[in-house]
Amino acid sequence: MTIAPALEETYGQKIRARREHIKMDRDAFAGALGVTPDEVTALEENSGVLTLDRLTSIASVLGTSLPELTPEFVSDLDGGVRYQLPGDNPVIEGHRGDTEYYTYNCLVRTRTVPKLVPLLLEVNVDDPEKAAFNVGHDAHEVIYCMEGDIHLKWGDKENPKEVTLPQGSSFYIAPGVPHTLTTTKGSGPGKVISINF
């Protein structure tokens, strides 16, 4: 079960504080939004429906930005540390076509550094000829080859650059670069640590 992170304030509190700051009463706010005063009350008490579109409209009516209406998260660190026990390690099966291509073991994450996405990636395909490219992603990525010889292809999938990297190697992939990993032909699965940031 996913638990919503604790917030310093709620969206409703931030909206009400901004409305009061600009001296707008609930009736005027409701009229500008095209809703009833009761809907505004529910919204400010966190029992109303709040979508991104509605929040964008609210920000416009209140003459502010989305970040100004977005509550800060309470830190999830304990004295500067966050840990994850083995049973709390989410596992995601990554399919490409009909193939179980990767298994993503999600390592510890923190709201303190939300762009940091560390993974223990199981590379399940052991034939570079069956490589299936992604389209690139918006993160920088550093990969360390833990187990097996990793075959990396990148760039144009019709005429890719490629290299085989033995266990203990590491590499960097820039944002937006299409790429794929397999292990060498017939060698079985491999494992890498992937850090996206």
N, C-alpha and C. Protein backbone atom coordinates (compact mmCIF):
# COMPACT_ATOMS: atom_id res chain seq x y z
N MET A 1 0.84 -1.18 0.00
CA MET A 1 0.00 0.00 0.00
C MET A 1 0.88 1.24 0.00
N THR A 2 0.58 2.20 -0.86
CA THR A 2 1.33 3.43 -0.93
C THR A 2 0.81 4.41 0.10
N ILE A 3 1.71 5.00 0.86
CA ILE A 3 1.33 5.98 1.88
C ILE A 3 1.77 7.34 1.40
N ALA A 4 0.84 8.29 1.38
CA ALA A 4 1.16 9.65 0.93
C ALA A 4 2.17 10.26 1.90
N PRO A 5 3.16 10.99 1.38
CA PRO A 5 4.14 11.59 2.26
C PRO A 5 3.53 12.68 3.12
N ALA A 6 4.07 12.83 4.32
CA ALA A 6 3.60 13.88 5.22
C ALA A 6 3.97 15.24 4.65
N LEU A 7 3.05 16.21 4.84
CA LEU A 7 3.26 17.55 4.32
C LEU A 7 3.40 18.53 5.47
N GLU A 8 4.23 19.56 5.27
CA GLU A 8 4.33 20.63 6.27
C GLU A 8 2.98 21.31 6.44
N GLU A 9 2.31 21.59 5.32
CA GLU A 9 0.96 22.13 5.29
C GLU A 9 0.20 21.36 4.24
N THR A 10 -1.11 21.47 4.24
CA THR A 10 -1.90 20.84 3.19
C THR A 10 -2.12 21.83 2.06
N TYR A 11 -2.58 21.30 0.91
CA TYR A 11 -2.94 22.18 -0.21
C TYR A 11 -4.03 23.16 0.24
N GLY A 12 -5.02 22.64 0.97
CA GLY A 12 -6.11 23.49 1.42
C GLY A 12 -5.62 24.65 2.28
N GLN A 13 -4.70 24.38 3.19
CA GLN A 13 -4.15 25.44 4.04
C GLN A 13 -3.40 26.48 3.21
N LYS A 14 -2.65 26.01 2.21
CA LYS A 14 -1.90 26.94 1.36
C LYS A 14 -2.85 27.81 0.53
N ILE A 15 -3.92 27.19 0.02
CA ILE A 15 -4.90 27.93 -0.78
C ILE A 15 -5.61 28.98 0.08
N ARG A 16 -6.07 28.55 1.26
CA ARG A 16 -6.76 29.48 2.16
C ARG A 16 -5.84 30.63 2.56
N ALA A 17 -4.58 30.31 2.89
CA ALA A 17 -3.65 31.35 3.31
C ALA A 17 -3.43 32.37 2.19
N ARG A 18 -3.32 31.90 0.94
CA ARG A 18 -3.14 32.83 -0.18
C ARG A 18 -4.40 33.66 -0.41
N ARG A 19 -5.57 33.01 -0.33
CA ARG A 19 -6.83 33.73 -0.52
C ARG A 19 -6.97 34.83 0.52
N GLU A 20 -6.67 34.50 1.78
CA GLU A 20 -6.77 35.50 2.85
C GLU A 20 -5.72 36.58 2.70
N HIS A 21 -4.54 36.19 2.22
CA HIS A 21 -3.45 37.16 2.05
C HIS A 21 -3.84 38.26 1.05
N ILE A 22 -4.58 37.87 -0.02
CA ILE A 22 -4.96 38.88 -1.02
C ILE A 22 -6.34 39.47 -0.71
N LYS A 23 -6.85 39.19 0.50
CA LYS A 23 -8.10 39.78 0.99
C LYS A 23 -9.31 39.41 0.12
N MET A 24 -9.36 38.16 -0.33
CA MET A 24 -10.49 37.67 -1.12
C MET A 24 -11.34 36.77 -0.22
N ASP A 25 -12.64 37.07 -0.12
CA ASP A 25 -13.48 36.21 0.70
C ASP A 25 -13.89 34.96 -0.08
N ARG A 26 -14.48 34.00 0.64
CA ARG A 26 -14.83 32.72 0.01
C ARG A 26 -15.84 32.89 -1.11
N ASP A 27 -16.80 33.76 -0.93
CA ASP A 27 -17.82 33.94 -1.96
C ASP A 27 -17.20 34.47 -3.26
N ALA A 28 -16.32 35.46 -3.14
CA ALA A 28 -15.67 36.02 -4.33
C ALA A 28 -14.78 34.97 -5.00
N PHE A 29 -14.06 34.19 -4.19
CA PHE A 29 -13.19 33.14 -4.70
C PHE A 29 -14.01 32.09 -5.43
N ALA A 30 -15.15 31.68 -4.81
CA ALA A 30 -16.02 30.68 -5.43
C ALA A 30 -16.55 31.20 -6.77
N GLY A 31 -16.97 32.47 -6.79
CA GLY A 31 -17.48 33.04 -8.04
C GLY A 31 -16.44 33.05 -9.13
N ALA A 32 -15.21 33.42 -8.79
CA ALA A 32 -14.13 33.49 -9.78
C ALA A 32 -13.77 32.10 -10.30
N LEU A 33 -13.91 31.09 -9.44
CA LEU A 33 -13.60 29.71 -9.85
C LEU A 33 -14.77 29.04 -10.56
N GLY A 34 -15.97 29.60 -10.38
CA GLY A 34 -17.15 28.97 -10.96
C GLY A 34 -17.64 27.79 -10.16
N VAL A 35 -17.46 27.85 -8.83
CA VAL A 35 -17.93 26.78 -7.93
C VAL A 35 -18.75 27.42 -6.82
N THR A 36 -19.32 26.60 -5.96
CA THR A 36 -20.10 27.13 -4.84
C THR A 36 -19.17 27.43 -3.66
N PRO A 37 -19.62 28.31 -2.75
CA PRO A 37 -18.83 28.55 -1.53
C PRO A 37 -18.60 27.26 -0.72
N ASP A 38 -19.59 26.35 -0.74
CA ASP A 38 -19.41 25.07 -0.03
C ASP A 38 -18.27 24.25 -0.63
N GLU A 39 -18.13 24.30 -1.96
CA GLU A 39 -17.01 23.59 -2.60
C GLU A 39 -15.67 24.21 -2.20
N VAL A 40 -15.63 25.53 -2.06
CA VAL A 40 -14.40 26.19 -1.61
C VAL A 40 -14.09 25.76 -0.18
N THR A 41 -15.10 25.72 0.69
CA THR A 41 -14.90 25.28 2.07
C THR A 41 -14.33 23.86 2.09
N ALA A 42 -14.92 22.96 1.27
CA ALA A 42 -14.43 21.58 1.21
C ALA A 42 -12.99 21.54 0.72
N LEU A 43 -12.69 22.35 -0.28
CA LEU A 43 -11.34 22.39 -0.82
C LEU A 43 -10.34 22.84 0.24
N GLU A 44 -10.68 23.90 0.96
CA GLU A 44 -9.77 24.43 1.97
C GLU A 44 -9.67 23.54 3.20
N GLU A 45 -10.64 22.66 3.36
CA GLU A 45 -10.60 21.69 4.47
C GLU A 45 -10.11 20.33 4.00
N ASN A 46 -9.59 20.28 2.77
CA ASN A 46 -8.98 19.08 2.20
C ASN A 46 -9.95 17.92 2.00
N SER A 47 -11.22 18.24 1.80
CA SER A 47 -12.17 17.17 1.50
C SER A 47 -12.75 17.32 0.09
N GLY A 48 -12.29 18.31 -0.63
CA GLY A 48 -12.72 18.50 -2.01
C GLY A 48 -11.77 17.83 -2.98
N VAL A 49 -12.20 17.69 -4.23
CA VAL A 49 -11.37 17.09 -5.27
C VAL A 49 -10.42 18.14 -5.83
N LEU A 50 -9.14 17.82 -5.86
CA LEU A 50 -8.14 18.76 -6.36
C LEU A 50 -7.33 18.08 -7.45
N THR A 51 -7.53 18.52 -8.68
CA THR A 51 -6.76 18.00 -9.81
C THR A 51 -5.71 19.05 -10.19
N LEU A 52 -4.79 18.68 -11.04
CA LEU A 52 -3.79 19.63 -11.50
C LEU A 52 -4.44 20.78 -12.26
N ASP A 53 -5.45 20.46 -13.08
CA ASP A 53 -6.17 21.52 -13.81
C ASP A 53 -6.83 22.49 -12.84
N ARG A 54 -7.48 21.94 -11.80
CA ARG A 54 -8.14 22.82 -10.83
C ARG A 54 -7.11 23.65 -10.08
N LEU A 55 -5.99 23.05 -9.68
CA LEU A 55 -4.96 23.80 -8.97
C LEU A 55 -4.40 24.91 -9.85
N THR A 56 -4.26 24.64 -11.15
CA THR A 56 -3.79 25.67 -12.08
C THR A 56 -4.79 26.82 -12.14
N SER A 57 -6.08 26.51 -12.19
CA SER A 57 -7.12 27.55 -12.18
C SER A 57 -7.08 28.35 -10.89
N ILE A 58 -6.92 27.66 -9.77
CA ILE A 58 -6.86 28.34 -8.47
C ILE A 58 -5.68 29.30 -8.42
N ALA A 59 -4.53 28.83 -8.90
CA ALA A 59 -3.34 29.70 -8.91
C ALA A 59 -3.59 30.94 -9.75
N SER A 60 -4.27 30.78 -10.88
CA SER A 60 -4.57 31.91 -11.75
C SER A 60 -5.50 32.90 -11.04
N VAL A 61 -6.56 32.38 -10.43
CA VAL A 61 -7.52 33.25 -9.72
C VAL A 61 -6.84 33.97 -8.57
N LEU A 62 -5.94 33.29 -7.88
CA LEU A 62 -5.26 33.88 -6.72
C LEU A 62 -4.02 34.68 -7.10
N GLY A 63 -3.72 34.74 -8.41
CA GLY A 63 -2.58 35.54 -8.86
C GLY A 63 -1.25 35.04 -8.34
N THR A 64 -1.08 33.71 -8.37
CA THR A 64 0.17 33.14 -7.87
C THR A 64 0.58 31.96 -8.76
N SER A 65 1.57 31.22 -8.35
CA SER A 65 2.10 30.10 -9.13
C SER A 65 1.78 28.77 -8.45
N LEU A 66 1.87 27.69 -9.21
CA LEU A 66 1.67 26.36 -8.62
C LEU A 66 2.64 26.07 -7.48
N PRO A 67 3.95 26.39 -7.63
CA PRO A 67 4.85 26.11 -6.52
C PRO A 67 4.46 26.82 -5.22
N GLU A 68 3.86 28.01 -5.34
CA GLU A 68 3.46 28.73 -4.13
C GLU A 68 2.29 28.06 -3.42
N LEU A 69 1.52 27.26 -4.15
CA LEU A 69 0.38 26.55 -3.55
C LEU A 69 0.72 25.11 -3.19
N THR A 70 1.92 24.69 -3.50
CA THR A 70 2.33 23.31 -3.24
C THR A 70 3.04 23.21 -1.90
N PRO A 71 2.50 22.40 -0.99
CA PRO A 71 3.11 22.27 0.33
C PRO A 71 4.50 21.63 0.26
N GLU A 72 5.33 21.99 1.21
CA GLU A 72 6.63 21.35 1.35
C GLU A 72 6.44 20.01 2.05
N PHE A 73 7.18 19.01 1.63
CA PHE A 73 7.12 17.72 2.29
C PHE A 73 7.94 17.73 3.58
N VAL A 74 7.48 16.99 4.57
CA VAL A 74 8.25 16.79 5.78
C VAL A 74 9.42 15.88 5.41
N SER A 75 10.59 16.17 5.91
CA SER A 75 11.76 15.35 5.59
C SER A 75 11.52 13.89 5.96
N ASP A 76 11.99 12.99 5.11
CA ASP A 76 11.89 11.56 5.40
C ASP A 76 13.22 11.01 5.92
N LEU A 77 14.12 11.91 6.29
CA LEU A 77 15.42 11.49 6.83
C LEU A 77 15.36 11.43 8.35
N ASP A 78 16.12 10.55 8.91
CA ASP A 78 16.25 10.42 10.36
C ASP A 78 17.68 10.79 10.71
N GLY A 79 17.88 12.02 11.13
CA GLY A 79 19.24 12.47 11.44
C GLY A 79 20.12 12.47 10.20
N GLY A 80 19.51 12.74 9.03
CA GLY A 80 20.28 12.79 7.79
C GLY A 80 20.40 11.46 7.08
N VAL A 81 19.69 10.43 7.56
CA VAL A 81 19.80 9.09 6.98
C VAL A 81 18.41 8.55 6.65
N ARG A 82 18.31 7.83 5.55
CA ARG A 82 17.11 7.05 5.23
C ARG A 82 17.59 5.67 4.80
N TYR A 83 16.95 4.65 5.32
CA TYR A 83 17.32 3.29 4.95
C TYR A 83 16.09 2.53 4.50
N GLN A 84 16.34 1.43 3.82
CA GLN A 84 15.26 0.59 3.30
C GLN A 84 15.62 -0.85 3.58
N LEU A 85 14.75 -1.56 4.25
CA LEU A 85 14.98 -2.97 4.57
C LEU A 85 14.63 -3.83 3.36
N PRO A 86 15.16 -5.06 3.29
CA PRO A 86 14.93 -5.90 2.11
C PRO A 86 13.46 -6.11 1.77
N GLY A 87 12.61 -6.26 2.75
CA GLY A 87 11.19 -6.48 2.48
C GLY A 87 10.48 -5.25 1.94
N ASP A 88 11.11 -4.08 2.05
CA ASP A 88 10.52 -2.83 1.57
C ASP A 88 11.03 -2.46 0.18
N ASN A 89 11.75 -3.37 -0.46
CA ASN A 89 12.40 -3.11 -1.75
C ASN A 89 11.42 -3.41 -2.88
N PRO A 90 10.76 -2.38 -3.47
CA PRO A 90 9.82 -2.65 -4.56
C PRO A 90 10.53 -3.27 -5.77
N VAL A 91 9.87 -4.24 -6.38
CA VAL A 91 10.42 -4.91 -7.56
C VAL A 91 9.44 -4.69 -8.72
N ILE A 92 9.97 -4.23 -9.86
CA ILE A 92 9.14 -3.94 -11.03
C ILE A 92 9.69 -4.75 -12.20
N GLU A 93 8.80 -5.49 -12.85
CA GLU A 93 9.20 -6.24 -14.05
C GLU A 93 9.12 -5.31 -15.25
N GLY A 94 10.23 -5.16 -15.96
CA GLY A 94 10.29 -4.30 -17.14
C GLY A 94 10.20 -5.13 -18.41
N HIS A 95 9.07 -5.03 -19.10
CA HIS A 95 8.87 -5.78 -20.34
C HIS A 95 9.12 -4.90 -21.55
N ARG A 96 9.72 -5.47 -22.55
CA ARG A 96 9.84 -4.84 -23.86
C ARG A 96 9.30 -5.85 -24.86
N GLY A 97 8.18 -5.48 -25.47
CA GLY A 97 7.48 -6.46 -26.30
C GLY A 97 6.95 -7.55 -25.40
N ASP A 98 7.17 -8.80 -25.77
CA ASP A 98 6.72 -9.93 -24.96
C ASP A 98 7.83 -10.49 -24.08
N THR A 99 8.94 -9.76 -23.98
CA THR A 99 10.10 -10.27 -23.26
C THR A 99 10.22 -9.62 -21.88
N GLU A 100 10.47 -10.45 -20.87
CA GLU A 100 10.79 -9.92 -19.54
C GLU A 100 12.24 -9.44 -19.61
N TYR A 101 12.39 -8.18 -19.95
CA TYR A 101 13.69 -7.65 -20.34
C TYR A 101 14.58 -7.32 -19.14
N TYR A 102 14.03 -6.54 -18.22
CA TYR A 102 14.76 -6.16 -17.01
C TYR A 102 13.89 -6.47 -15.79
N THR A 103 14.54 -6.65 -14.65
CA THR A 103 13.85 -6.64 -13.36
C THR A 103 14.46 -5.50 -12.57
N TYR A 104 13.63 -4.52 -12.20
CA TYR A 104 14.08 -3.35 -11.47
C TYR A 104 13.86 -3.57 -9.97
N ASN A 105 14.94 -3.64 -9.19
CA ASN A 105 14.86 -3.68 -7.75
C ASN A 105 15.12 -2.26 -7.27
N CYS A 106 14.07 -1.60 -6.78
CA CYS A 106 14.18 -0.18 -6.42
C CYS A 106 14.91 -0.04 -5.09
N LEU A 107 16.04 0.65 -5.13
CA LEU A 107 16.82 0.89 -3.92
C LEU A 107 16.27 2.12 -3.20
N VAL A 108 16.82 2.41 -2.05
CA VAL A 108 16.28 3.48 -1.20
C VAL A 108 16.22 4.81 -1.95
N ARG A 109 15.11 5.52 -1.75
CA ARG A 109 14.91 6.85 -2.33
C ARG A 109 14.54 7.80 -1.21
N THR A 110 14.68 9.09 -1.48
CA THR A 110 14.33 10.09 -0.48
C THR A 110 13.70 11.30 -1.15
N ARG A 111 12.70 11.87 -0.49
CA ARG A 111 12.10 13.11 -0.98
C ARG A 111 13.10 14.26 -0.94
N THR A 112 14.15 14.11 -0.16
CA THR A 112 15.18 15.15 -0.07
C THR A 112 15.88 15.35 -1.40
N VAL A 113 16.07 14.27 -2.17
CA VAL A 113 16.69 14.33 -3.50
C VAL A 113 15.78 13.54 -4.46
N PRO A 114 14.65 14.14 -4.88
CA PRO A 114 13.66 13.38 -5.63
C PRO A 114 14.12 12.89 -7.00
N LYS A 115 15.12 13.55 -7.61
CA LYS A 115 15.58 13.10 -8.93
C LYS A 115 16.52 11.90 -8.83
N LEU A 116 16.98 11.57 -7.64
CA LEU A 116 17.89 10.44 -7.46
C LEU A 116 17.08 9.15 -7.46
N VAL A 117 17.35 8.28 -8.45
CA VAL A 117 16.63 7.00 -8.58
C VAL A 117 17.67 5.88 -8.70
N PRO A 118 18.01 5.24 -7.58
CA PRO A 118 18.96 4.13 -7.63
C PRO A 118 18.25 2.79 -7.81
N LEU A 119 18.82 1.94 -8.65
CA LEU A 119 18.21 0.64 -8.96
C LEU A 119 19.26 -0.45 -8.97
N LEU A 120 18.88 -1.63 -8.53
CA LEU A 120 19.62 -2.85 -8.83
C LEU A 120 18.86 -3.46 -10.00
N LEU A 121 19.50 -3.46 -11.16
CA LEU A 121 18.84 -3.86 -12.40
C LEU A 121 19.32 -5.24 -12.81
N GLU A 122 18.38 -6.18 -12.91
CA GLU A 122 18.70 -7.51 -13.41
C GLU A 122 18.48 -7.49 -14.92
N VAL A 123 19.52 -7.82 -15.67
CA VAL A 123 19.48 -7.82 -17.13
C VAL A 123 19.15 -9.25 -17.54
N ASN A 124 17.94 -9.48 -18.03
CA ASN A 124 17.44 -10.83 -18.26
C ASN A 124 17.69 -11.38 -19.66
N VAL A 125 18.04 -10.53 -20.62
CA VAL A 125 18.24 -10.96 -22.01
C VAL A 125 19.74 -11.18 -22.24
N ASP A 126 20.09 -12.37 -22.74
CA ASP A 126 21.51 -12.68 -22.94
C ASP A 126 21.85 -12.89 -24.42
N ASP A 127 21.30 -12.02 -25.26
CA ASP A 127 21.61 -12.06 -26.68
C ASP A 127 21.55 -10.64 -27.23
N PRO A 128 22.71 -10.03 -27.54
CA PRO A 128 22.73 -8.66 -28.05
C PRO A 128 21.89 -8.47 -29.32
N GLU A 129 21.66 -9.56 -30.08
CA GLU A 129 20.83 -9.44 -31.28
C GLU A 129 19.36 -9.21 -30.94
N LYS A 130 18.96 -9.51 -29.71
CA LYS A 130 17.58 -9.30 -29.26
C LYS A 130 17.44 -8.01 -28.46
N ALA A 131 18.43 -7.14 -28.57
CA ALA A 131 18.41 -5.88 -27.83
C ALA A 131 17.22 -5.03 -28.25
N ALA A 132 16.50 -4.49 -27.27
CA ALA A 132 15.34 -3.61 -27.51
C ALA A 132 15.65 -2.25 -26.87
N PHE A 133 15.76 -1.24 -27.71
CA PHE A 133 16.15 0.09 -27.26
C PHE A 133 15.02 0.80 -26.52
N ASN A 134 15.41 1.64 -25.54
CA ASN A 134 14.47 2.64 -25.03
C ASN A 134 14.64 3.88 -25.90
N VAL A 135 13.89 4.93 -25.61
CA VAL A 135 14.00 6.15 -26.41
C VAL A 135 14.88 7.19 -25.73
N GLY A 136 15.58 6.78 -24.68
CA GLY A 136 16.33 7.73 -23.87
C GLY A 136 15.42 8.27 -22.78
N HIS A 137 15.98 8.82 -21.74
CA HIS A 137 15.18 9.40 -20.67
C HIS A 137 15.80 10.72 -20.24
N ASP A 138 15.08 11.45 -19.40
CA ASP A 138 15.51 12.81 -19.08
C ASP A 138 16.54 12.88 -17.97
N ALA A 139 16.98 11.74 -17.47
CA ALA A 139 17.94 11.72 -16.37
C ALA A 139 19.35 11.39 -16.86
N HIS A 140 20.33 11.85 -16.12
CA HIS A 140 21.69 11.35 -16.27
C HIS A 140 21.70 9.96 -15.64
N GLU A 141 22.57 9.08 -16.13
CA GLU A 141 22.61 7.73 -15.58
C GLU A 141 24.05 7.24 -15.48
N VAL A 142 24.39 6.70 -14.33
CA VAL A 142 25.68 6.05 -14.12
C VAL A 142 25.40 4.59 -13.79
N ILE A 143 26.10 3.69 -14.47
CA ILE A 143 25.86 2.26 -14.29
C ILE A 143 27.16 1.55 -13.93
N TYR A 144 27.07 0.66 -12.94
CA TYR A 144 28.19 -0.18 -12.53
C TYR A 144 27.83 -1.63 -12.81
N CYS A 145 28.70 -2.35 -13.53
CA CYS A 145 28.46 -3.76 -13.89
C CYS A 145 28.85 -4.66 -12.72
N MET A 146 27.86 -5.24 -12.07
CA MET A 146 28.09 -6.06 -10.88
C MET A 146 28.35 -7.52 -11.20
N GLU A 147 27.51 -8.07 -12.08
CA GLU A 147 27.62 -9.50 -12.41
C GLU A 147 27.41 -9.68 -13.90
N GLY A 148 28.27 -10.46 -14.52
CA GLY A 148 28.13 -10.77 -15.94
C GLY A 148 28.78 -9.73 -16.83
N ASP A 149 29.02 -10.12 -18.07
CA ASP A 149 29.54 -9.19 -19.07
C ASP A 149 28.35 -8.50 -19.72
N ILE A 150 28.31 -7.18 -19.63
CA ILE A 150 27.18 -6.39 -20.11
C ILE A 150 27.47 -5.87 -21.51
N HIS A 151 26.53 -6.10 -22.42
CA HIS A 151 26.65 -5.58 -23.78
C HIS A 151 25.78 -4.33 -23.87
N LEU A 152 26.41 -3.19 -24.10
CA LEU A 152 25.73 -1.90 -24.20
C LEU A 152 25.62 -1.49 -25.65
N LYS A 153 24.41 -1.11 -26.07
CA LYS A 153 24.20 -0.49 -27.37
C LYS A 153 23.57 0.87 -27.12
N TRP A 154 23.95 1.87 -27.96
CA TRP A 154 23.38 3.20 -27.79
C TRP A 154 23.37 3.96 -29.10
N GLY A 155 22.58 5.03 -29.12
CA GLY A 155 22.48 5.87 -30.31
C GLY A 155 21.39 5.39 -31.24
N ASP A 156 21.68 5.40 -32.54
CA ASP A 156 20.72 5.00 -33.57
C ASP A 156 20.51 3.49 -33.52
N LYS A 157 19.28 3.05 -33.27
CA LYS A 157 19.05 1.61 -33.11
C LYS A 157 19.28 0.84 -34.39
N GLU A 158 19.21 1.51 -35.56
CA GLU A 158 19.49 0.84 -36.83
C GLU A 158 20.99 0.70 -37.08
N ASN A 159 21.77 1.57 -36.51
CA ASN A 159 23.23 1.55 -36.68
C ASN A 159 23.88 1.98 -35.36
N PRO A 160 23.71 1.15 -34.31
CA PRO A 160 24.13 1.59 -32.98
C PRO A 160 25.64 1.50 -32.76
N LYS A 161 26.09 2.27 -31.80
CA LYS A 161 27.43 2.05 -31.25
C LYS A 161 27.25 0.95 -30.21
N GLU A 162 28.29 0.16 -29.98
CA GLU A 162 28.15 -0.91 -29.00
C GLU A 162 29.50 -1.29 -28.42
N VAL A 163 29.44 -1.83 -27.21
CA VAL A 163 30.64 -2.26 -26.50
C VAL A 163 30.24 -3.34 -25.49
N THR A 164 31.15 -4.27 -25.25
CA THR A 164 30.95 -5.25 -24.19
C THR A 164 31.82 -4.84 -23.01
N LEU A 165 31.19 -4.75 -21.83
CA LEU A 165 31.87 -4.27 -20.63
C LEU A 165 31.90 -5.39 -19.59
N PRO A 166 33.10 -5.77 -19.14
CA PRO A 166 33.19 -6.85 -18.16
C PRO A 166 32.75 -6.40 -16.77
N GLN A 167 32.48 -7.39 -15.94
CA GLN A 167 32.15 -7.13 -14.54
C GLN A 167 33.17 -6.17 -13.94
N GLY A 168 32.69 -5.20 -13.18
CA GLY A 168 33.58 -4.20 -12.58
C GLY A 168 33.69 -2.91 -13.39
N SER A 169 33.17 -2.91 -14.63
CA SER A 169 33.19 -1.71 -15.46
C SER A 169 32.07 -0.77 -15.01
N SER A 170 32.18 0.47 -15.42
CA SER A 170 31.11 1.44 -15.19
C SER A 170 31.02 2.36 -16.39
N PHE A 171 29.86 2.99 -16.56
CA PHE A 171 29.69 3.92 -17.68
C PHE A 171 28.62 4.94 -17.35
N TYR A 172 28.62 6.02 -18.14
CA TYR A 172 27.68 7.12 -17.99
C TYR A 172 26.87 7.25 -19.27
N ILE A 173 25.57 7.55 -19.16
CA ILE A 173 24.71 7.80 -20.31
C ILE A 173 24.06 9.17 -20.11
N ALA A 174 24.20 10.04 -21.08
CA ALA A 174 23.63 11.39 -21.02
C ALA A 174 22.12 11.34 -21.23
N PRO A 175 21.40 12.35 -20.75
CA PRO A 175 19.96 12.41 -20.98
C PRO A 175 19.62 12.38 -22.48
N GLY A 176 18.54 11.69 -22.82
CA GLY A 176 18.05 11.67 -24.19
C GLY A 176 18.74 10.70 -25.13
N VAL A 177 19.71 9.93 -24.64
CA VAL A 177 20.43 9.00 -25.52
C VAL A 177 19.73 7.63 -25.49
N PRO A 178 19.16 7.17 -26.61
CA PRO A 178 18.56 5.84 -26.65
C PRO A 178 19.62 4.78 -26.35
N HIS A 179 19.25 3.77 -25.57
CA HIS A 179 20.24 2.74 -25.21
C HIS A 179 19.54 1.47 -24.75
N THR A 180 20.32 0.42 -24.63
CA THR A 180 19.82 -0.85 -24.13
C THR A 180 20.98 -1.68 -23.62
N LEU A 181 20.67 -2.54 -22.66
CA LEU A 181 21.67 -3.46 -22.10
C LEU A 181 21.18 -4.89 -22.28
N THR A 182 22.10 -5.76 -22.64
CA THR A 182 21.89 -7.20 -22.56
C THR A 182 23.16 -7.76 -21.94
N THR A 183 23.20 -9.07 -21.72
CA THR A 183 24.48 -9.69 -21.43
C THR A 183 24.98 -10.32 -22.73
N THR A 184 26.18 -10.88 -22.69
CA THR A 184 26.74 -11.49 -23.90
C THR A 184 25.98 -12.78 -24.23
N LYS A 185 26.05 -13.19 -25.49
CA LYS A 185 25.22 -14.29 -26.00
C LYS A 185 25.43 -15.57 -25.20
N GLY A 186 24.30 -16.08 -24.67
CA GLY A 186 24.31 -17.36 -23.97
C GLY A 186 24.89 -17.33 -22.57
N SER A 187 25.21 -16.14 -22.06
CA SER A 187 25.89 -16.06 -20.76
C SER A 187 24.92 -16.04 -19.58
N GLY A 188 23.61 -15.91 -19.84
CA GLY A 188 22.65 -15.85 -18.75
C GLY A 188 22.49 -14.42 -18.25
N PRO A 189 21.66 -14.23 -17.21
CA PRO A 189 21.38 -12.89 -16.73
C PRO A 189 22.58 -12.23 -16.08
N GLY A 190 22.51 -10.91 -16.02
CA GLY A 190 23.54 -10.12 -15.35
C GLY A 190 22.89 -9.13 -14.41
N LYS A 191 23.71 -8.40 -13.66
CA LYS A 191 23.20 -7.40 -12.73
C LYS A 191 24.05 -6.15 -12.81
N VAL A 192 23.37 -5.00 -12.76
CA VAL A 192 24.07 -3.73 -12.70
C VAL A 192 23.42 -2.87 -11.63
N ILE A 193 24.19 -1.95 -11.09
CA ILE A 193 23.63 -0.87 -10.26
C ILE A 193 23.48 0.33 -11.17
N SER A 194 22.28 0.90 -11.21
CA SER A 194 21.99 2.05 -12.04
C SER A 194 21.57 3.22 -11.14
N ILE A 195 22.26 4.34 -11.28
CA ILE A 195 21.92 5.53 -10.53
C ILE A 195 21.47 6.60 -11.51
N ASN A 196 20.20 6.98 -11.45
CA ASN A 196 19.64 8.03 -12.28
C ASN A 196 19.51 9.29 -11.44
N PHE A 197 19.90 10.43 -12.03
CA PHE A 197 19.83 11.69 -11.27
C PHE A 197 19.61 12.86 -12.21
